[in-house]
């Protein structure tokens, strides 16, 4: 089993990156997380996921 970490600032970008990656692998599990930070008056979001997978042979 292997893992790959994805980190994007927009939900749609994370979705696209994961969908592109999992086309060629067998997914075991996906863990998803959202973090929110506030800098001055700006809200900063971080969407991340850990994909556990097995390579297809």
PDB file of N, CA and C in Angstrom:
ATOM      1  N   UNK A   1       0.850  -1.166   0.000  1.00  0.00           N
ATOM      2  CA  UNK A   1       0.000   0.000   0.000  1.00  0.00           C
ATOM      3  C   UNK A   1       0.898   1.232   0.000  1.00  0.00           C
ATOM      4  N   UNK A   2       0.435   2.278  -0.672  1.00  0.00           N
ATOM      5  CA  UNK A   2       1.131   3.555  -0.724  1.00  0.00           C
ATOM      6  C   UNK A   2       0.149   4.663  -0.375  1.00  0.00           C
ATOM      7  N   UNK A   3       0.690   5.856  -0.113  1.00  0.00           N
ATOM      8  CA  UNK A   3      -0.156   7.013   0.166  1.00  0.00           C
ATOM      9  C   UNK A   3       0.271   8.193  -0.694  1.00  0.00           C
ATOM     10  N   UNK A   4      -0.683   9.077  -0.966  1.00  0.00           N
ATOM     11  CA  UNK A   4      -0.411  10.321  -1.680  1.00  0.00           C
ATOM     12  C   UNK A   4      -1.209  11.412  -0.983  1.00  0.00           C
ATOM     13  N   UNK A   5      -0.566  12.554  -0.760  1.00  0.00           N
ATOM     14  CA  UNK A   5      -1.207  13.679  -0.086  1.00  0.00           C
ATOM     15  C   UNK A   5      -1.501  14.771  -1.110  1.00  0.00           C
ATOM     16  N   UNK A   6      -2.702  15.293  -1.043  1.00  0.00           N
ATOM     17  CA  UNK A   6      -3.132  16.393  -1.912  1.00  0.00           C
ATOM     18  C   UNK A   6      -3.461  17.584  -1.026  1.00  0.00           C
ATOM     19  N   UNK A   7      -3.125  18.788  -1.496  1.00  0.00           N
ATOM     20  CA  UNK A   7      -3.390  20.001  -0.743  1.00  0.00           C
ATOM     21  C   UNK A   7      -3.707  21.112  -1.734  1.00  0.00           C
ATOM     22  N   UNK A   8      -4.899  21.654  -1.641  1.00  0.00           N
ATOM     23  CA  UNK A   8      -5.337  22.706  -2.571  1.00  0.00           C
ATOM     24  C   UNK A   8      -6.058  23.803  -1.799  1.00  0.00           C
ATOM     25  N   UNK A   9      -6.109  24.978  -2.381  1.00  0.00           N
ATOM     26  CA  UNK A   9      -6.799  26.079  -1.720  1.00  0.00           C
ATOM     27  C   UNK A   9      -8.257  26.206  -2.159  1.00  0.00           C
ATOM     28  N   UNK A  10      -8.660  25.409  -3.152  1.00  0.00           N
ATOM     29  CA  UNK A  10     -10.055  25.393  -3.601  1.00  0.00           C
ATOM     30  C   UNK A  10     -10.561  23.953  -3.661  1.00  0.00           C
ATOM     31  N   UNK A  11     -11.797  23.764  -3.243  1.00  0.00           N
ATOM     32  CA  UNK A  11     -12.411  22.431  -3.222  1.00  0.00           C
ATOM     33  C   UNK A  11     -12.393  21.764  -4.593  1.00  0.00           C
ATOM     34  N   UNK A  12     -12.755  22.497  -5.609  1.00  0.00           N
ATOM     35  CA  UNK A  12     -12.831  21.957  -6.967  1.00  0.00           C
ATOM     36  C   UNK A  12     -11.453  21.496  -7.462  1.00  0.00           C
ATOM     37  N   UNK A  13     -10.405  22.253  -7.117  1.00  0.00           N
ATOM     38  CA  UNK A  13      -9.053  21.856  -7.506  1.00  0.00           C
ATOM     39  C   UNK A  13      -8.654  20.541  -6.846  1.00  0.00           C
ATOM     40  N   UNK A  14      -9.024  20.366  -5.585  1.00  0.00           N
ATOM     41  CA  UNK A  14      -8.731  19.117  -4.880  1.00  0.00           C
ATOM     42  C   UNK A  14      -9.480  17.959  -5.526  1.00  0.00           C
ATOM     43  N   UNK A  15     -10.731  18.178  -5.825  1.00  0.00           N
ATOM     44  CA  UNK A  15     -11.556  17.154  -6.471  1.00  0.00           C
ATOM     45  C   UNK A  15     -10.945  16.728  -7.810  1.00  0.00           C
ATOM     46  N   UNK A  16     -10.558  17.694  -8.618  1.00  0.00           N
ATOM     47  CA  UNK A  16      -9.966  17.393  -9.927  1.00  0.00           C
ATOM     48  C   UNK A  16      -8.653  16.626  -9.783  1.00  0.00           C
ATOM     49  N   UNK A  17      -7.809  17.045  -8.843  1.00  0.00           N
ATOM     50  CA  UNK A  17      -6.510  16.387  -8.649  1.00  0.00           C
ATOM     51  C   UNK A  17      -6.690  14.935  -8.207  1.00  0.00           C
ATOM     52  N   UNK A  18      -7.616  14.702  -7.290  1.00  0.00           N
ATOM     53  CA  UNK A  18      -7.850  13.335  -6.812  1.00  0.00           C
ATOM     54  C   UNK A  18      -8.450  12.479  -7.919  1.00  0.00           C
ATOM     55  N   UNK A  19      -9.438  12.997  -8.638  1.00  0.00           N
ATOM     56  CA  UNK A  19     -10.057  12.228  -9.717  1.00  0.00           C
ATOM     57  C   UNK A  19      -9.055  11.851 -10.796  1.00  0.00           C
ATOM     58  N   UNK A  20      -8.148  12.763 -11.143  1.00  0.00           N
ATOM     59  CA  UNK A  20      -7.115  12.451 -12.128  1.00  0.00           C
ATOM     60  C   UNK A  20      -6.193  11.347 -11.623  1.00  0.00           C
ATOM     61  N   UNK A  21      -5.828  11.413 -10.349  1.00  0.00           N
ATOM     62  CA  UNK A  21      -4.892  10.445  -9.779  1.00  0.00           C
ATOM     63  C   UNK A  21      -5.499   9.046  -9.667  1.00  0.00           C
ATOM     64  N   UNK A  22      -6.749   8.955  -9.227  1.00  0.00           N
ATOM     65  CA  UNK A  22      -7.319   7.635  -8.934  1.00  0.00           C
ATOM     66  C   UNK A  22      -7.787   6.866 -10.169  1.00  0.00           C
ATOM     67  N   UNK A  23      -7.649   7.454 -11.344  1.00  0.00           N
ATOM     68  CA  UNK A  23      -8.017   6.736 -12.564  1.00  0.00           C
ATOM     69  C   UNK A  23      -7.179   5.471 -12.759  1.00  0.00           C
ATOM     70  N   UNK A  24      -5.918   5.503 -12.322  1.00  0.00           N
ATOM     71  CA  UNK A  24      -4.986   4.417 -12.612  1.00  0.00           C
ATOM     72  C   UNK A  24      -4.552   3.623 -11.396  1.00  0.00           C
ATOM     73  N   UNK A  25      -5.223   3.779 -10.270  1.00  0.00           N
ATOM     74  CA  UNK A  25      -4.843   3.049  -9.063  1.00  0.00           C
ATOM     75  C   UNK A  25      -6.083   2.452  -8.403  1.00  0.00           C
ATOM     76  N   UNK A  26      -5.842   1.504  -7.510  1.00  0.00           N
ATOM     77  CA  UNK A  26      -6.925   0.914  -6.713  1.00  0.00           C
ATOM     78  C   UNK A  26      -6.961   1.650  -5.372  1.00  0.00           C
ATOM     79  N   UNK A  27      -8.033   2.374  -5.117  1.00  0.00           N
ATOM     80  CA  UNK A  27      -8.162   3.165  -3.891  1.00  0.00           C
ATOM     81  C   UNK A  27      -8.530   2.264  -2.724  1.00  0.00           C
ATOM     82  N   UNK A  28      -7.790   2.392  -1.628  1.00  0.00           N
ATOM     83  CA  UNK A  28      -8.087   1.668  -0.395  1.00  0.00           C
ATOM     84  C   UNK A  28      -8.954   2.544   0.509  1.00  0.00           C
ATOM     85  N   UNK A  29      -8.579   3.827   0.641  1.00  0.00           N
ATOM     86  CA  UNK A  29      -9.325   4.747   1.499  1.00  0.00           C
ATOM     87  C   UNK A  29      -8.917   6.182   1.162  1.00  0.00           C
ATOM     88  N   UNK A  30      -9.782   7.123   1.489  1.00  0.00           N
ATOM     89  CA  UNK A  30      -9.473   8.548   1.335  1.00  0.00           C
ATOM     90  C   UNK A  30      -9.877   9.254   2.627  1.00  0.00           C
ATOM     91  N   UNK A  31      -8.941  10.023   3.176  1.00  0.00           N
ATOM     92  CA  UNK A  31      -9.196  10.838   4.363  1.00  0.00           C
ATOM     93  C   UNK A  31      -9.196  12.298   3.918  1.00  0.00           C
ATOM     94  N   UNK A  32     -10.204  13.048   4.334  1.00  0.00           N
ATOM     95  CA  UNK A  32     -10.409  14.415   3.864  1.00  0.00           C
ATOM     96  C   UNK A  32     -10.387  15.366   5.048  1.00  0.00           C
ATOM     97  N   UNK A  33      -9.812  16.568   4.840  1.00  0.00           N
ATOM     98  CA  UNK A  33      -9.751  17.540   5.922  1.00  0.00           C
ATOM     99  C   UNK A  33      -9.829  18.959   5.370  1.00  0.00           C
ATOM    100  N   UNK A  34     -10.480  19.832   6.122  1.00  0.00           N
ATOM    101  CA  UNK A  34     -10.548  21.249   5.775  1.00  0.00           C
ATOM    102  C   UNK A  34     -10.001  22.037   6.958  1.00  0.00           C
ATOM    103  N   UNK A  35      -9.115  22.975   6.658  1.00  0.00           N
ATOM    104  CA  UNK A  35      -8.583  23.858   7.701  1.00  0.00           C
ATOM    105  C   UNK A  35      -8.899  25.297   7.311  1.00  0.00           C
ATOM    106  N   UNK A  36      -9.161  26.113   8.296  1.00  0.00           N
ATOM    107  CA  UNK A  36      -9.484  27.516   8.079  1.00  0.00           C
ATOM    108  C   UNK A  36      -8.549  28.368   8.923  1.00  0.00           C
ATOM    109  N   UNK A  37      -7.934  29.339   8.277  1.00  0.00           N
ATOM    110  CA  UNK A  37      -7.092  30.286   8.988  1.00  0.00           C
ATOM    111  C   UNK A  37      -7.568  31.691   8.690  1.00  0.00           C
ATOM    112  N   UNK A  38      -7.321  32.581   9.616  1.00  0.00           N
ATOM    113  CA  UNK A  38      -7.714  33.971   9.415  1.00  0.00           C
ATOM    114  C   UNK A  38      -6.454  34.822   9.491  1.00  0.00           C
ATOM    115  N   UNK A  39      -6.210  35.559   8.435  1.00  0.00           N
ATOM    116  CA  UNK A  39      -5.069  36.458   8.358  1.00  0.00           C
ATOM    117  C   UNK A  39      -5.599  37.852   8.102  1.00  0.00           C
ATOM    118  N   UNK A  40      -5.460  38.726   9.090  1.00  0.00           N
ATOM    119  CA  UNK A  40      -6.034  40.057   9.025  1.00  0.00           C
ATOM    120  C   UNK A  40      -7.552  39.897   8.895  1.00  0.00           C
ATOM    121  N   UNK A  41      -8.143  40.358   7.800  1.00  0.00           N
ATOM    122  CA  UNK A  41      -9.586  40.179   7.587  1.00  0.00           C
ATOM    123  C   UNK A  41      -9.873  39.123   6.538  1.00  0.00           C
ATOM    124  N   UNK A  42      -8.857  38.399   6.110  1.00  0.00           N
ATOM    125  CA  UNK A  42      -9.016  37.406   5.048  1.00  0.00           C
ATOM    126  C   UNK A  42      -9.109  35.990   5.630  1.00  0.00           C
ATOM    127  N   UNK A  43     -10.056  35.213   5.120  1.00  0.00           N
ATOM    128  CA  UNK A  43     -10.171  33.809   5.498  1.00  0.00           C
ATOM    129  C   UNK A  43      -9.411  32.971   4.486  1.00  0.00           C
ATOM    130  N   UNK A  44      -8.575  32.076   4.982  1.00  0.00           N
ATOM    131  CA  UNK A  44      -7.770  31.225   4.112  1.00  0.00           C
ATOM    132  C   UNK A  44      -8.172  29.770   4.370  1.00  0.00           C
ATOM    133  N   UNK A  45      -8.616  29.103   3.319  1.00  0.00           N
ATOM    134  CA  UNK A  45      -9.026  27.714   3.425  1.00  0.00           C
ATOM    135  C   UNK A  45      -7.942  26.805   2.859  1.00  0.00           C
ATOM    136  N   UNK A  46      -7.815  25.635   3.454  1.00  0.00           N
ATOM    137  CA  UNK A  46      -6.903  24.618   2.957  1.00  0.00           C
ATOM    138  C   UNK A  46      -7.681  23.309   2.904  1.00  0.00           C
ATOM    139  N   UNK A  47      -7.858  22.774   1.705  1.00  0.00           N
ATOM    140  CA  UNK A  47      -8.558  21.506   1.508  1.00  0.00           C
ATOM    141  C   UNK A  47      -7.498  20.453   1.232  1.00  0.00           C
ATOM    142  N   UNK A  48      -7.485  19.402   2.027  1.00  0.00           N
ATOM    143  CA  UNK A  48      -6.464  18.372   1.837  1.00  0.00           C
ATOM    144  C   UNK A  48      -7.074  16.985   1.940  1.00  0.00           C
ATOM    145  N   UNK A  49      -6.355  16.043   1.349  1.00  0.00           N
ATOM    146  CA  UNK A  49      -6.799  14.658   1.384  1.00  0.00           C
ATOM    147  C   UNK A  49      -5.587  13.741   1.357  1.00  0.00           C
ATOM    148  N   UNK A  50      -5.714  12.625   2.037  1.00  0.00           N
ATOM    149  CA  UNK A  50      -4.723  11.568   2.018  1.00  0.00           C
ATOM    150  C   UNK A  50      -5.377  10.387   1.312  1.00  0.00           C
ATOM    151  N   UNK A  51      -4.790   9.958   0.211  1.00  0.00           N
ATOM    152  CA  UNK A  51      -5.327   8.832  -0.541  1.00  0.00           C
ATOM    153  C   UNK A  51      -4.438   7.621  -0.291  1.00  0.00           C
ATOM    154  N   UNK A  52      -5.021   6.553   0.251  1.00  0.00           N
ATOM    155  CA  UNK A  52      -4.317   5.288   0.405  1.00  0.00           C
ATOM    156  C   UNK A  52      -4.679   4.424  -0.789  1.00  0.00           C
ATOM    157  N   UNK A  53      -3.661   3.879  -1.447  1.00  0.00           N
ATOM    158  CA  UNK A  53      -3.920   3.173  -2.702  1.00  0.00           C
ATOM    159  C   UNK A  53      -2.945   2.033  -2.934  1.00  0.00           C
ATOM    160  N   UNK A  54      -3.304   1.194  -3.893  1.00  0.00           N
ATOM    161  CA  UNK A  54      -2.428   0.151  -4.393  1.00  0.00           C
ATOM    162  C   UNK A  54      -2.274   0.366  -5.878  1.00  0.00           C
ATOM    163  N   UNK A  55      -1.057   0.198  -6.371  1.00  0.00           N
ATOM    164  CA  UNK A  55      -0.829   0.367  -7.802  1.00  0.00           C
ATOM    165  C   UNK A  55      -1.412  -0.810  -8.573  1.00  0.00           C
ATOM    166  N   UNK A  56      -1.998  -0.510  -9.722  1.00  0.00           N
ATOM    167  CA  UNK A  56      -2.511  -1.562 -10.598  1.00  0.00           C
ATOM    168  C   UNK A  56      -1.363  -2.105 -11.430  1.00  0.00           C
ATOM    169  N   UNK A  57      -1.265  -3.403 -11.538  1.00  0.00           N
ATOM    170  CA  UNK A  57      -0.202  -4.014 -12.345  1.00  0.00           C
ATOM    171  C   UNK A  57      -0.763  -4.632 -13.579  1.00  0.00           C
TER     172      UNK A  57
END
